[in-house]
Amino acid sequence: MYLPAHFAESRPQVLRDFIAAHPLGLLVTQSRAGGIDANSVPFFLDASDDGTPGVLRAHVARANPVWTSARDDVDALVVFQGPHGYVSPAWYPSKAEHGKVVPTWNYVIVQARGRLRAIDDKAWLRAFVTRLTERHEGGRPAPWAVADAPADYIETMLGAIVGIEIALGSLVGKWKVSQNRAAADRAGVAEGLLRERDDTALAAEVSTPGGGA
């Protein structure tokens, strides 16, 4: 990924929080048969205390060949996409000063890399699916739980999926949110995003990339 220093984000907690807020990743793998495969998969990032970026965990349908076809001797890539959008040069106050402005596209993205390992184990899957359910149902007034479904049905569903783990070797963020513009231009971009598109998410990133220090 092309990553100018002023767009780079490396704070571990910022990157972990981003993945928690945008868990659907694009899993890109090299196939044993040659070629590249891409699958959209919701991930759960477990942080590490050993100085590494942590471990991404997920599950895929057993019918999805990625768990048998992906090479495990090279890194897989997972791309997490955040807010993004077109930026009009009309939003820059500097347009009125000298006119030397052009359109651009702002975006927030995180890329994770590591070796993929498939886990075909029902006990692991049951524990992981329970954690995943609790994570996404936790904020609801009446959360659904795995135990709410008939035991034999859950057993059948567990047999239809396979786990995936990716022990990460790198976790890199790119916040391209007008940091290369003057403060007045950045404020103009944030105002334009709110006024014309009601894009609060991207406007917030332009105002304070990654949530600040």
N, C-alpha and C. Protein backbone atom coordinates (compact mmCIF):
# COMPACT_ATOMS: atom_id res chain seq x y z
N MET A 1 0.85 -1.19 0.00
CA MET A 1 0.00 0.00 0.00
C MET A 1 0.88 1.24 0.00
N TYR A 2 0.57 2.16 -0.88
CA TYR A 2 1.27 3.44 -0.90
C TYR A 2 0.88 4.21 0.35
N LEU A 3 1.88 4.60 1.15
CA LEU A 3 1.58 5.16 2.47
C LEU A 3 2.51 6.33 2.81
N PRO A 4 2.19 7.54 2.33
CA PRO A 4 2.97 8.71 2.76
C PRO A 4 2.90 8.85 4.28
N ALA A 5 3.98 9.33 4.86
CA ALA A 5 4.08 9.39 6.32
C ALA A 5 2.95 10.18 6.96
N HIS A 6 2.49 11.24 6.30
CA HIS A 6 1.45 12.07 6.93
C HIS A 6 0.07 11.42 6.91
N PHE A 7 -0.08 10.31 6.20
CA PHE A 7 -1.35 9.57 6.21
C PHE A 7 -1.27 8.29 7.05
N ALA A 8 -0.10 7.95 7.55
CA ALA A 8 0.11 6.67 8.24
C ALA A 8 -0.48 6.71 9.65
N GLU A 9 -1.08 5.58 10.06
CA GLU A 9 -1.61 5.41 11.41
C GLU A 9 -1.08 4.09 11.95
N SER A 10 -0.36 4.15 13.08
CA SER A 10 0.25 2.94 13.63
C SER A 10 -0.12 2.69 15.08
N ARG A 11 -0.92 3.57 15.70
CA ARG A 11 -1.28 3.36 17.11
C ARG A 11 -2.12 2.10 17.25
N PRO A 12 -1.65 1.11 18.02
CA PRO A 12 -2.36 -0.18 18.12
C PRO A 12 -3.82 -0.05 18.54
N GLN A 13 -4.10 0.79 19.53
CA GLN A 13 -5.48 0.88 20.01
C GLN A 13 -6.40 1.50 18.97
N VAL A 14 -5.89 2.48 18.21
CA VAL A 14 -6.68 3.09 17.14
C VAL A 14 -7.03 2.04 16.09
N LEU A 15 -6.05 1.22 15.73
CA LEU A 15 -6.28 0.19 14.71
C LEU A 15 -7.24 -0.88 15.22
N ARG A 16 -7.08 -1.28 16.49
CA ARG A 16 -7.99 -2.28 17.05
C ARG A 16 -9.42 -1.75 17.12
N ASP A 17 -9.56 -0.50 17.56
CA ASP A 17 -10.90 0.09 17.65
C ASP A 17 -11.54 0.21 16.27
N PHE A 18 -10.73 0.52 15.27
CA PHE A 18 -11.25 0.64 13.91
C PHE A 18 -11.82 -0.69 13.42
N ILE A 19 -11.08 -1.77 13.63
CA ILE A 19 -11.56 -3.09 13.19
C ILE A 19 -12.80 -3.50 13.96
N ALA A 20 -12.87 -3.17 15.24
CA ALA A 20 -14.07 -3.48 16.02
C ALA A 20 -15.28 -2.74 15.47
N ALA A 21 -15.06 -1.51 14.99
CA ALA A 21 -16.17 -0.71 14.45
C ALA A 21 -16.49 -1.07 13.00
N HIS A 22 -15.53 -1.64 12.28
CA HIS A 22 -15.70 -1.99 10.86
C HIS A 22 -15.21 -3.43 10.64
N PRO A 23 -15.90 -4.41 11.21
CA PRO A 23 -15.37 -5.78 11.23
C PRO A 23 -15.43 -6.54 9.91
N LEU A 24 -16.19 -6.04 8.94
CA LEU A 24 -16.28 -6.77 7.67
C LEU A 24 -15.02 -6.50 6.86
N GLY A 25 -14.17 -7.53 6.73
CA GLY A 25 -12.93 -7.38 6.00
C GLY A 25 -12.98 -8.09 4.66
N LEU A 26 -12.21 -7.59 3.71
CA LEU A 26 -12.04 -8.27 2.43
C LEU A 26 -10.80 -9.14 2.55
N LEU A 27 -11.03 -10.45 2.61
CA LEU A 27 -9.96 -11.43 2.75
C LEU A 27 -9.43 -11.79 1.36
N VAL A 28 -8.16 -11.46 1.13
CA VAL A 28 -7.53 -11.71 -0.17
C VAL A 28 -6.47 -12.78 0.03
N THR A 29 -6.61 -13.88 -0.70
CA THR A 29 -5.69 -15.01 -0.56
C THR A 29 -5.16 -15.46 -1.92
N GLN A 30 -3.99 -16.06 -1.89
CA GLN A 30 -3.46 -16.72 -3.07
C GLN A 30 -3.90 -18.18 -3.04
N SER A 31 -4.39 -18.65 -4.15
CA SER A 31 -4.88 -20.02 -4.23
C SER A 31 -3.75 -20.99 -4.54
N ARG A 32 -3.86 -22.19 -3.99
CA ARG A 32 -2.87 -23.24 -4.28
C ARG A 32 -2.84 -23.57 -5.78
N ALA A 33 -3.98 -23.35 -6.43
CA ALA A 33 -4.07 -23.66 -7.85
C ALA A 33 -3.62 -22.49 -8.73
N GLY A 34 -3.25 -21.39 -8.09
CA GLY A 34 -2.86 -20.20 -8.83
C GLY A 34 -4.00 -19.19 -8.85
N GLY A 35 -3.66 -17.95 -8.93
CA GLY A 35 -4.68 -16.92 -8.94
C GLY A 35 -4.93 -16.35 -7.55
N ILE A 36 -5.83 -15.39 -7.49
CA ILE A 36 -6.15 -14.69 -6.25
C ILE A 36 -7.64 -14.79 -6.00
N ASP A 37 -8.01 -15.03 -4.73
CA ASP A 37 -9.42 -15.08 -4.33
C ASP A 37 -9.69 -13.95 -3.35
N ALA A 38 -10.93 -13.44 -3.37
CA ALA A 38 -11.32 -12.39 -2.44
C ALA A 38 -12.69 -12.73 -1.86
N ASN A 39 -12.79 -12.69 -0.53
CA ASN A 39 -14.03 -13.01 0.17
C ASN A 39 -14.29 -11.97 1.26
N SER A 40 -15.51 -11.48 1.33
CA SER A 40 -15.90 -10.57 2.40
C SER A 40 -16.30 -11.39 3.61
N VAL A 41 -15.60 -11.15 4.73
CA VAL A 41 -15.80 -11.95 5.94
C VAL A 41 -15.77 -11.04 7.17
N PRO A 42 -16.73 -11.18 8.10
CA PRO A 42 -16.64 -10.42 9.35
C PRO A 42 -15.60 -11.05 10.29
N PHE A 43 -14.70 -10.22 10.82
CA PHE A 43 -13.60 -10.70 11.65
C PHE A 43 -13.71 -10.19 13.08
N PHE A 44 -13.02 -10.89 13.96
CA PHE A 44 -12.87 -10.51 15.36
C PHE A 44 -11.37 -10.46 15.62
N LEU A 45 -10.86 -9.30 16.09
CA LEU A 45 -9.44 -9.18 16.36
C LEU A 45 -9.17 -9.36 17.85
N ASP A 46 -8.37 -10.38 18.17
CA ASP A 46 -7.92 -10.58 19.54
C ASP A 46 -6.55 -9.94 19.68
N ALA A 47 -6.43 -8.99 20.59
CA ALA A 47 -5.17 -8.30 20.81
C ALA A 47 -4.16 -9.26 21.42
N SER A 48 -2.88 -8.93 21.25
CA SER A 48 -1.81 -9.76 21.79
C SER A 48 -1.01 -8.95 22.80
N ASP A 49 -0.43 -9.65 23.76
CA ASP A 49 0.42 -8.98 24.75
C ASP A 49 1.89 -9.30 24.54
N ASP A 50 2.21 -9.86 23.35
CA ASP A 50 3.60 -10.23 23.09
C ASP A 50 4.28 -9.30 22.08
N GLY A 51 3.63 -8.15 21.83
CA GLY A 51 4.22 -7.18 20.91
C GLY A 51 3.80 -7.36 19.47
N THR A 52 3.10 -8.45 19.13
CA THR A 52 2.61 -8.65 17.78
C THR A 52 1.23 -8.00 17.64
N PRO A 53 0.76 -7.80 16.40
CA PRO A 53 -0.52 -7.11 16.20
C PRO A 53 -1.75 -7.88 16.66
N GLY A 54 -1.62 -9.18 16.93
CA GLY A 54 -2.76 -9.96 17.39
C GLY A 54 -3.19 -11.01 16.39
N VAL A 55 -4.39 -11.55 16.61
CA VAL A 55 -4.90 -12.64 15.77
C VAL A 55 -6.31 -12.29 15.29
N LEU A 56 -6.51 -12.37 13.99
CA LEU A 56 -7.85 -12.21 13.42
C LEU A 56 -8.52 -13.58 13.39
N ARG A 57 -9.78 -13.62 13.83
CA ARG A 57 -10.53 -14.87 13.80
C ARG A 57 -11.86 -14.65 13.09
N ALA A 58 -12.32 -15.70 12.41
CA ALA A 58 -13.57 -15.63 11.66
C ALA A 58 -14.05 -17.04 11.36
N HIS A 59 -15.17 -17.13 10.68
CA HIS A 59 -15.60 -18.42 10.16
C HIS A 59 -16.18 -18.22 8.77
N VAL A 60 -16.10 -19.25 7.95
CA VAL A 60 -16.64 -19.22 6.60
C VAL A 60 -17.50 -20.45 6.38
N ALA A 61 -18.31 -20.41 5.37
CA ALA A 61 -19.12 -21.58 5.03
C ALA A 61 -18.21 -22.73 4.61
N ARG A 62 -18.55 -23.92 5.07
CA ARG A 62 -17.76 -25.10 4.68
C ARG A 62 -17.73 -25.24 3.15
N ALA A 63 -18.80 -24.79 2.48
CA ALA A 63 -18.86 -24.88 1.03
C ALA A 63 -17.93 -23.89 0.34
N ASN A 64 -17.44 -22.89 1.08
CA ASN A 64 -16.52 -21.91 0.51
C ASN A 64 -15.13 -22.56 0.42
N PRO A 65 -14.56 -22.67 -0.78
CA PRO A 65 -13.28 -23.39 -0.92
C PRO A 65 -12.08 -22.66 -0.31
N VAL A 66 -12.26 -21.43 0.15
CA VAL A 66 -11.10 -20.66 0.62
C VAL A 66 -10.34 -21.37 1.73
N TRP A 67 -11.04 -22.12 2.58
CA TRP A 67 -10.36 -22.73 3.73
C TRP A 67 -9.48 -23.91 3.35
N THR A 68 -9.70 -24.46 2.15
CA THR A 68 -8.84 -25.54 1.66
C THR A 68 -7.92 -25.08 0.53
N SER A 69 -8.33 -24.03 -0.19
CA SER A 69 -7.56 -23.63 -1.37
C SER A 69 -6.52 -22.56 -1.10
N ALA A 70 -6.66 -21.81 0.01
CA ALA A 70 -5.72 -20.72 0.28
C ALA A 70 -4.35 -21.26 0.67
N ARG A 71 -3.33 -20.68 0.12
CA ARG A 71 -1.97 -21.07 0.49
C ARG A 71 -1.67 -20.62 1.92
N ASP A 72 -0.98 -21.49 2.67
CA ASP A 72 -0.63 -21.15 4.04
C ASP A 72 0.87 -20.88 4.19
N ASP A 73 1.57 -20.82 3.05
CA ASP A 73 3.01 -20.54 3.09
C ASP A 73 3.32 -19.10 2.68
N VAL A 74 2.28 -18.32 2.40
CA VAL A 74 2.42 -16.89 2.10
C VAL A 74 1.34 -16.15 2.89
N ASP A 75 1.53 -14.87 3.09
CA ASP A 75 0.56 -14.09 3.85
C ASP A 75 -0.75 -13.90 3.10
N ALA A 76 -1.84 -13.96 3.86
CA ALA A 76 -3.13 -13.50 3.38
C ALA A 76 -3.24 -12.01 3.72
N LEU A 77 -4.08 -11.29 3.01
CA LEU A 77 -4.31 -9.87 3.24
C LEU A 77 -5.77 -9.66 3.58
N VAL A 78 -6.04 -8.90 4.65
CA VAL A 78 -7.41 -8.53 4.99
C VAL A 78 -7.51 -7.01 4.99
N VAL A 79 -8.45 -6.48 4.23
CA VAL A 79 -8.62 -5.04 4.08
C VAL A 79 -9.92 -4.61 4.75
N PHE A 80 -9.80 -3.69 5.70
CA PHE A 80 -10.96 -3.14 6.40
C PHE A 80 -11.18 -1.71 5.93
N GLN A 81 -12.37 -1.43 5.38
CA GLN A 81 -12.68 -0.13 4.81
C GLN A 81 -13.53 0.70 5.76
N GLY A 82 -13.13 1.93 5.99
CA GLY A 82 -13.90 2.85 6.83
C GLY A 82 -14.59 3.90 6.00
N PRO A 83 -14.91 5.05 6.60
CA PRO A 83 -15.59 6.10 5.85
C PRO A 83 -14.74 6.61 4.69
N HIS A 84 -15.40 6.98 3.61
CA HIS A 84 -14.69 7.50 2.45
C HIS A 84 -15.64 8.37 1.64
N GLY A 85 -15.07 9.23 0.82
CA GLY A 85 -15.94 10.06 -0.01
C GLY A 85 -15.17 11.10 -0.81
N TYR A 86 -15.84 11.61 -1.81
CA TYR A 86 -15.32 12.64 -2.71
C TYR A 86 -15.16 13.96 -1.97
N VAL A 87 -14.07 14.65 -2.28
CA VAL A 87 -13.82 15.97 -1.69
C VAL A 87 -13.78 17.00 -2.82
N SER A 88 -14.68 17.96 -2.78
CA SER A 88 -14.73 19.00 -3.80
C SER A 88 -13.74 20.11 -3.49
N PRO A 89 -13.00 20.59 -4.51
CA PRO A 89 -12.08 21.71 -4.28
C PRO A 89 -12.83 23.00 -3.90
N ALA A 90 -14.13 23.03 -4.17
CA ALA A 90 -14.93 24.20 -3.80
C ALA A 90 -15.02 24.38 -2.30
N TRP A 91 -14.70 23.32 -1.54
CA TRP A 91 -14.78 23.41 -0.08
C TRP A 91 -13.55 24.06 0.53
N TYR A 92 -12.48 24.21 -0.24
CA TYR A 92 -11.25 24.80 0.28
C TYR A 92 -11.34 26.33 0.25
N PRO A 93 -11.14 27.01 1.36
CA PRO A 93 -11.02 28.47 1.34
C PRO A 93 -9.89 28.94 0.42
N SER A 94 -8.85 28.12 0.26
CA SER A 94 -7.72 28.51 -0.58
C SER A 94 -8.11 28.61 -2.06
N LYS A 95 -9.24 28.04 -2.44
CA LYS A 95 -9.71 28.17 -3.83
C LYS A 95 -9.92 29.64 -4.17
N ALA A 96 -10.48 30.39 -3.23
CA ALA A 96 -10.73 31.81 -3.47
C ALA A 96 -9.44 32.63 -3.48
N GLU A 97 -8.40 32.10 -2.84
CA GLU A 97 -7.14 32.83 -2.74
C GLU A 97 -6.30 32.70 -4.00
N HIS A 98 -6.16 31.47 -4.50
CA HIS A 98 -5.26 31.27 -5.65
C HIS A 98 -5.81 30.29 -6.69
N GLY A 99 -6.85 29.56 -6.41
CA GLY A 99 -7.47 28.66 -7.38
C GLY A 99 -6.69 27.40 -7.69
N LYS A 100 -5.54 27.21 -7.04
CA LYS A 100 -4.70 26.05 -7.33
C LYS A 100 -5.13 24.86 -6.47
N VAL A 101 -6.31 24.33 -6.77
CA VAL A 101 -6.87 23.21 -6.02
C VAL A 101 -7.52 22.24 -7.00
N VAL A 102 -7.57 20.99 -6.62
CA VAL A 102 -8.18 19.95 -7.45
C VAL A 102 -8.99 19.00 -6.56
N PRO A 103 -9.90 18.23 -7.14
CA PRO A 103 -10.67 17.26 -6.34
C PRO A 103 -9.77 16.14 -5.83
N THR A 104 -10.25 15.46 -4.80
CA THR A 104 -9.56 14.27 -4.29
C THR A 104 -10.59 13.35 -3.65
N TRP A 105 -10.12 12.24 -3.14
CA TRP A 105 -10.98 11.27 -2.44
C TRP A 105 -10.35 10.99 -1.08
N ASN A 106 -11.10 11.22 -0.03
CA ASN A 106 -10.63 10.90 1.31
C ASN A 106 -11.12 9.52 1.73
N TYR A 107 -10.34 8.83 2.54
CA TYR A 107 -10.75 7.49 2.98
C TYR A 107 -9.93 7.07 4.19
N VAL A 108 -10.48 6.07 4.88
CA VAL A 108 -9.79 5.45 6.00
C VAL A 108 -9.76 3.94 5.74
N ILE A 109 -8.58 3.35 5.89
CA ILE A 109 -8.45 1.93 5.57
C ILE A 109 -7.41 1.30 6.48
N VAL A 110 -7.61 0.03 6.81
CA VAL A 110 -6.63 -0.72 7.59
C VAL A 110 -6.34 -2.03 6.85
N GLN A 111 -5.06 -2.36 6.76
CA GLN A 111 -4.65 -3.60 6.11
C GLN A 111 -3.93 -4.50 7.12
N ALA A 112 -4.34 -5.76 7.15
CA ALA A 112 -3.76 -6.75 8.06
C ALA A 112 -3.19 -7.89 7.22
N ARG A 113 -2.02 -8.38 7.63
CA ARG A 113 -1.36 -9.46 6.88
C ARG A 113 -0.88 -10.55 7.83
N GLY A 114 -1.00 -11.79 7.40
CA GLY A 114 -0.51 -12.91 8.19
C GLY A 114 -0.88 -14.23 7.53
N ARG A 115 -0.38 -15.33 8.09
CA ARG A 115 -0.63 -16.66 7.53
C ARG A 115 -1.99 -17.18 7.99
N LEU A 116 -2.74 -17.68 7.06
CA LEU A 116 -4.09 -18.20 7.34
C LEU A 116 -4.04 -19.65 7.77
N ARG A 117 -4.83 -19.97 8.80
CA ARG A 117 -4.95 -21.35 9.29
C ARG A 117 -6.42 -21.69 9.41
N ALA A 118 -6.83 -22.79 8.81
CA ALA A 118 -8.22 -23.26 8.92
C ALA A 118 -8.37 -24.12 10.17
N ILE A 119 -9.53 -23.98 10.85
CA ILE A 119 -9.80 -24.74 12.07
C ILE A 119 -11.13 -25.48 11.92
N ASP A 120 -11.05 -26.77 11.74
CA ASP A 120 -12.25 -27.60 11.57
C ASP A 120 -12.51 -28.34 12.88
N ASP A 121 -13.06 -27.59 13.86
CA ASP A 121 -13.22 -28.12 15.22
C ASP A 121 -14.49 -27.52 15.82
N LYS A 122 -15.47 -28.36 16.11
CA LYS A 122 -16.77 -27.85 16.56
C LYS A 122 -16.69 -27.14 17.91
N ALA A 123 -15.86 -27.62 18.80
CA ALA A 123 -15.74 -26.97 20.11
C ALA A 123 -15.18 -25.56 19.95
N TRP A 124 -14.17 -25.43 19.11
CA TRP A 124 -13.61 -24.10 18.83
C TRP A 124 -14.67 -23.19 18.20
N LEU A 125 -15.38 -23.76 17.24
CA LEU A 125 -16.40 -22.98 16.53
C LEU A 125 -17.53 -22.54 17.46
N ARG A 126 -17.97 -23.44 18.34
CA ARG A 126 -19.05 -23.09 19.27
C ARG A 126 -18.61 -21.93 20.17
N ALA A 127 -17.39 -22.03 20.70
CA ALA A 127 -16.89 -20.97 21.57
C ALA A 127 -16.74 -19.65 20.80
N PHE A 128 -16.25 -19.73 19.58
CA PHE A 128 -16.05 -18.52 18.80
C PHE A 128 -17.37 -17.88 18.39
N VAL A 129 -18.30 -18.70 17.91
CA VAL A 129 -19.61 -18.17 17.51
C VAL A 129 -20.33 -17.55 18.70
N THR A 130 -20.17 -18.13 19.87
CA THR A 130 -20.76 -17.55 21.08
C THR A 130 -20.16 -16.18 21.37
N ARG A 131 -18.83 -16.07 21.29
CA ARG A 131 -18.17 -14.78 21.50
C ARG A 131 -18.62 -13.75 20.48
N LEU A 132 -18.69 -14.17 19.23
CA LEU A 132 -19.07 -13.27 18.15
C LEU A 132 -20.51 -12.78 18.34
N THR A 133 -21.38 -13.69 18.72
CA THR A 133 -22.78 -13.33 18.95
C THR A 133 -22.89 -12.35 20.11
N GLU A 134 -22.19 -12.61 21.18
CA GLU A 134 -22.23 -11.72 22.34
C GLU A 134 -21.69 -10.34 21.99
N ARG A 135 -20.69 -10.31 21.13
CA ARG A 135 -20.11 -9.01 20.71
C ARG A 135 -21.13 -8.18 19.94
N HIS A 136 -21.85 -8.79 19.01
CA HIS A 136 -22.74 -8.03 18.14
C HIS A 136 -24.17 -7.90 18.69
N GLU A 137 -24.55 -8.79 19.58
CA GLU A 137 -25.89 -8.72 20.17
C GLU A 137 -25.89 -7.93 21.48
N GLY A 138 -24.71 -7.70 22.05
CA GLY A 138 -24.60 -7.12 23.38
C GLY A 138 -25.32 -5.81 23.60
N GLY A 139 -25.41 -4.98 22.57
CA GLY A 139 -26.03 -3.67 22.73
C GLY A 139 -27.53 -3.65 22.51
N ARG A 140 -28.10 -4.79 22.16
CA ARG A 140 -29.53 -4.84 21.89
C ARG A 140 -30.33 -4.96 23.19
N PRO A 141 -31.58 -4.44 23.22
CA PRO A 141 -32.39 -4.52 24.43
C PRO A 141 -32.67 -5.96 24.87
N ALA A 142 -32.87 -6.84 23.88
CA ALA A 142 -33.13 -8.25 24.19
C ALA A 142 -32.19 -9.10 23.33
N PRO A 143 -30.94 -9.24 23.72
CA PRO A 143 -29.94 -9.92 22.90
C PRO A 143 -30.30 -11.37 22.60
N TRP A 144 -30.09 -11.76 21.35
CA TRP A 144 -30.23 -13.16 20.97
C TRP A 144 -28.99 -13.91 21.43
N ALA A 145 -29.15 -15.14 21.90
CA ALA A 145 -28.03 -15.96 22.33
C ALA A 145 -28.04 -17.28 21.57
N VAL A 146 -26.88 -17.87 21.41
CA VAL A 146 -26.78 -19.15 20.71
C VAL A 146 -27.70 -20.19 21.35
N ALA A 147 -27.83 -20.16 22.66
CA ALA A 147 -28.67 -21.12 23.38
C ALA A 147 -30.16 -20.92 23.10
N ASP A 148 -30.54 -19.83 22.45
CA ASP A 148 -31.96 -19.60 22.12
C ASP A 148 -32.45 -20.53 21.02
N ALA A 149 -31.53 -21.04 20.23
CA ALA A 149 -31.91 -21.95 19.14
C ALA A 149 -31.83 -23.40 19.63
N PRO A 150 -32.60 -24.30 19.03
CA PRO A 150 -32.55 -25.72 19.43
C PRO A 150 -31.13 -26.28 19.30
N ALA A 151 -30.74 -27.09 20.26
CA ALA A 151 -29.37 -27.62 20.31
C ALA A 151 -29.01 -28.40 19.05
N ASP A 152 -29.96 -29.20 18.54
CA ASP A 152 -29.64 -30.00 17.36
C ASP A 152 -29.47 -29.11 16.12
N TYR A 153 -30.21 -28.00 16.08
CA TYR A 153 -30.09 -27.06 14.96
C TYR A 153 -28.71 -26.38 15.00
N ILE A 154 -28.28 -25.94 16.17
CA ILE A 154 -26.97 -25.32 16.31
C ILE A 154 -25.87 -26.31 15.92
N GLU A 155 -26.05 -27.57 16.33
CA GLU A 155 -25.06 -28.60 15.98
C GLU A 155 -24.94 -28.74 14.47
N THR A 156 -26.08 -28.70 13.77
CA THR A 156 -26.07 -28.79 12.31
C THR A 156 -25.39 -27.57 11.70
N MET A 157 -25.71 -26.38 12.23
CA MET A 157 -25.13 -25.14 11.71
C MET A 157 -23.61 -25.11 11.92
N LEU A 158 -23.16 -25.61 13.06
CA LEU A 158 -21.72 -25.66 13.33
C LEU A 158 -21.01 -26.57 12.33
N GLY A 159 -21.70 -27.60 11.90
CA GLY A 159 -21.11 -28.51 10.91
C GLY A 159 -21.01 -27.90 9.53
N ALA A 160 -21.69 -26.77 9.33
CA ALA A 160 -21.70 -26.13 8.01
C ALA A 160 -20.69 -25.01 7.88
N ILE A 161 -19.88 -24.79 8.94
CA ILE A 161 -18.89 -23.72 8.89
C ILE A 161 -17.51 -24.25 9.31
N VAL A 162 -16.49 -23.46 8.99
CA VAL A 162 -15.11 -23.78 9.35
C VAL A 162 -14.46 -22.50 9.87
N GLY A 163 -13.65 -22.64 10.91
CA GLY A 163 -12.98 -21.48 11.48
C GLY A 163 -11.74 -21.07 10.71
N ILE A 164 -11.38 -19.79 10.89
CA ILE A 164 -10.17 -19.24 10.27
C ILE A 164 -9.42 -18.42 11.31
N GLU A 165 -8.14 -18.59 11.37
CA GLU A 165 -7.28 -17.75 12.20
C GLU A 165 -6.16 -17.18 11.35
N ILE A 166 -5.85 -15.90 11.57
CA ILE A 166 -4.72 -15.28 10.90
C ILE A 166 -3.87 -14.60 11.97
N ALA A 167 -2.74 -15.20 12.30
CA ALA A 167 -1.80 -14.59 13.24
C ALA A 167 -1.09 -13.47 12.49
N LEU A 168 -1.31 -12.24 12.91
CA LEU A 168 -0.87 -11.09 12.13
C LEU A 168 0.61 -10.80 12.29
N GLY A 169 1.24 -10.56 11.14
CA GLY A 169 2.61 -10.09 11.14
C GLY A 169 2.68 -8.59 11.00
N SER A 170 1.61 -8.00 10.43
CA SER A 170 1.56 -6.54 10.30
C SER A 170 0.12 -6.06 10.33
N LEU A 171 -0.05 -4.86 10.86
CA LEU A 171 -1.35 -4.20 10.92
C LEU A 171 -1.09 -2.72 10.69
N VAL A 172 -1.55 -2.20 9.55
CA VAL A 172 -1.20 -0.85 9.13
C VAL A 172 -2.45 -0.07 8.76
N GLY A 173 -2.51 1.18 9.21
CA GLY A 173 -3.64 2.02 8.89
C GLY A 173 -3.25 3.18 7.99
N LYS A 174 -4.19 3.58 7.16
CA LYS A 174 -4.01 4.77 6.32
C LYS A 174 -5.24 5.67 6.48
N TRP A 175 -5.01 6.82 7.08
CA TRP A 175 -6.06 7.82 7.25
C TRP A 175 -5.76 8.96 6.27
N LYS A 176 -6.31 8.87 5.05
CA LYS A 176 -6.12 9.94 4.06
C LYS A 176 -7.30 10.90 4.21
N VAL A 177 -7.15 11.84 5.12
CA VAL A 177 -8.28 12.72 5.47
C VAL A 177 -7.83 14.18 5.52
N SER A 178 -7.16 14.59 4.43
CA SER A 178 -6.79 16.00 4.21
C SER A 178 -5.71 16.52 5.15
N GLN A 179 -4.89 15.62 5.74
CA GLN A 179 -3.81 16.10 6.61
C GLN A 179 -2.78 16.94 5.85
N ASN A 180 -2.74 16.79 4.51
CA ASN A 180 -1.79 17.55 3.70
C ASN A 180 -2.30 18.94 3.35
N ARG A 181 -3.48 19.31 3.84
CA ARG A 181 -4.04 20.65 3.58
C ARG A 181 -3.86 21.54 4.80
N ALA A 182 -3.94 22.82 4.57
CA ALA A 182 -3.88 23.79 5.67
C ALA A 182 -5.10 23.60 6.57
N ALA A 183 -5.00 24.09 7.81
CA ALA A 183 -6.08 23.93 8.78
C ALA A 183 -7.40 24.50 8.26
N ALA A 184 -7.35 25.63 7.59
CA ALA A 184 -8.58 26.25 7.07
C ALA A 184 -9.22 25.38 6.00
N ASP A 185 -8.41 24.76 5.15
CA ASP A 185 -8.95 23.87 4.11
C ASP A 185 -9.56 22.62 4.74
N ARG A 186 -8.92 22.08 5.77
CA ARG A 186 -9.47 20.91 6.44
C ARG A 186 -10.82 21.23 7.08
N ALA A 187 -10.89 22.39 7.69
CA ALA A 187 -12.17 22.80 8.28
C ALA A 187 -13.23 22.95 7.20
N GLY A 188 -12.82 23.45 6.04
CA GLY A 188 -13.75 23.60 4.93
C GLY A 188 -14.25 22.26 4.42
N VAL A 189 -13.37 21.26 4.39
CA VAL A 189 -13.76 19.92 3.96
C VAL A 189 -14.77 19.33 4.94
N ALA A 190 -14.47 19.44 6.23
CA ALA A 190 -15.40 18.90 7.23
C ALA A 190 -16.77 19.58 7.13
N GLU A 191 -16.76 20.89 6.95
CA GLU A 191 -18.03 21.62 6.82
C GLU A 191 -18.78 21.20 5.57
N GLY A 192 -18.05 21.03 4.45
CA GLY A 192 -18.69 20.62 3.20
C GLY A 192 -19.29 19.23 3.28
N LEU A 193 -18.58 18.32 3.93
CA LEU A 193 -19.11 16.96 4.09
C LEU A 193 -20.40 16.96 4.90
N LEU A 194 -20.46 17.78 5.94
CA LEU A 194 -21.67 17.85 6.77
C LEU A 194 -22.80 18.56 6.04
N ARG A 195 -22.48 19.65 5.39
CA ARG A 195 -23.52 20.47 4.76
C ARG A 195 -24.13 19.78 3.54
N GLU A 196 -23.29 19.20 2.69
CA GLU A 196 -23.78 18.67 1.41
C GLU A 196 -24.14 17.19 1.45
N ARG A 197 -23.53 16.43 2.39
CA ARG A 197 -23.77 14.99 2.39
C ARG A 197 -24.14 14.44 3.77
N ASP A 198 -24.16 15.28 4.76
CA ASP A 198 -24.45 14.83 6.13
C ASP A 198 -23.57 13.63 6.49
N ASP A 199 -22.31 13.69 6.05
CA ASP A 199 -21.37 12.60 6.30
C ASP A 199 -20.61 12.89 7.60
N THR A 200 -21.23 12.54 8.71
CA THR A 200 -20.63 12.84 10.01
C THR A 200 -19.38 12.01 10.27
N ALA A 201 -19.36 10.77 9.78
CA ALA A 201 -18.24 9.87 10.04
C ALA A 201 -16.94 10.39 9.40
N LEU A 202 -17.02 10.73 8.11
CA LEU A 202 -15.81 11.20 7.41
C LEU A 202 -15.44 12.60 7.90
N ALA A 203 -16.43 13.43 8.18
CA ALA A 203 -16.15 14.77 8.69
C ALA A 203 -15.41 14.69 10.02
N ALA A 204 -15.79 13.75 10.87
CA ALA A 204 -15.13 13.59 12.17
C ALA A 204 -13.67 13.17 11.98
N GLU A 205 -13.40 12.30 11.00
CA GLU A 205 -12.03 11.86 10.74
C GLU A 205 -11.19 13.01 10.19
N VAL A 206 -11.79 13.86 9.36
CA VAL A 206 -11.06 15.01 8.83
C VAL A 206 -10.70 15.97 9.97
N SER A 207 -11.62 16.13 10.89
CA SER A 207 -11.39 17.03 12.02
C SER A 207 -10.36 16.47 13.00
N THR A 208 -10.45 15.15 13.26
CA THR A 208 -9.54 14.51 14.23
C THR A 208 -9.22 13.09 13.74
N PRO A 209 -8.19 12.95 12.89
CA PRO A 209 -7.86 11.62 12.34
C PRO A 209 -7.60 10.59 13.45
N GLY A 210 -8.27 9.45 13.33
CA GLY A 210 -8.05 8.37 14.29
C GLY A 210 -8.53 8.66 15.68
N GLY A 211 -9.32 9.72 15.87
CA GLY A 211 -9.80 10.06 17.19
C GLY A 211 -8.83 10.89 18.00
N GLY A 212 -7.77 11.38 17.36
CA GLY A 212 -6.82 12.23 18.08
C GLY A 212 -5.75 11.44 18.80
N ALA A 213 -5.01 12.13 19.62
CA ALA A 213 -3.89 11.50 20.32
C ALA A 213 -4.36 10.63 21.46
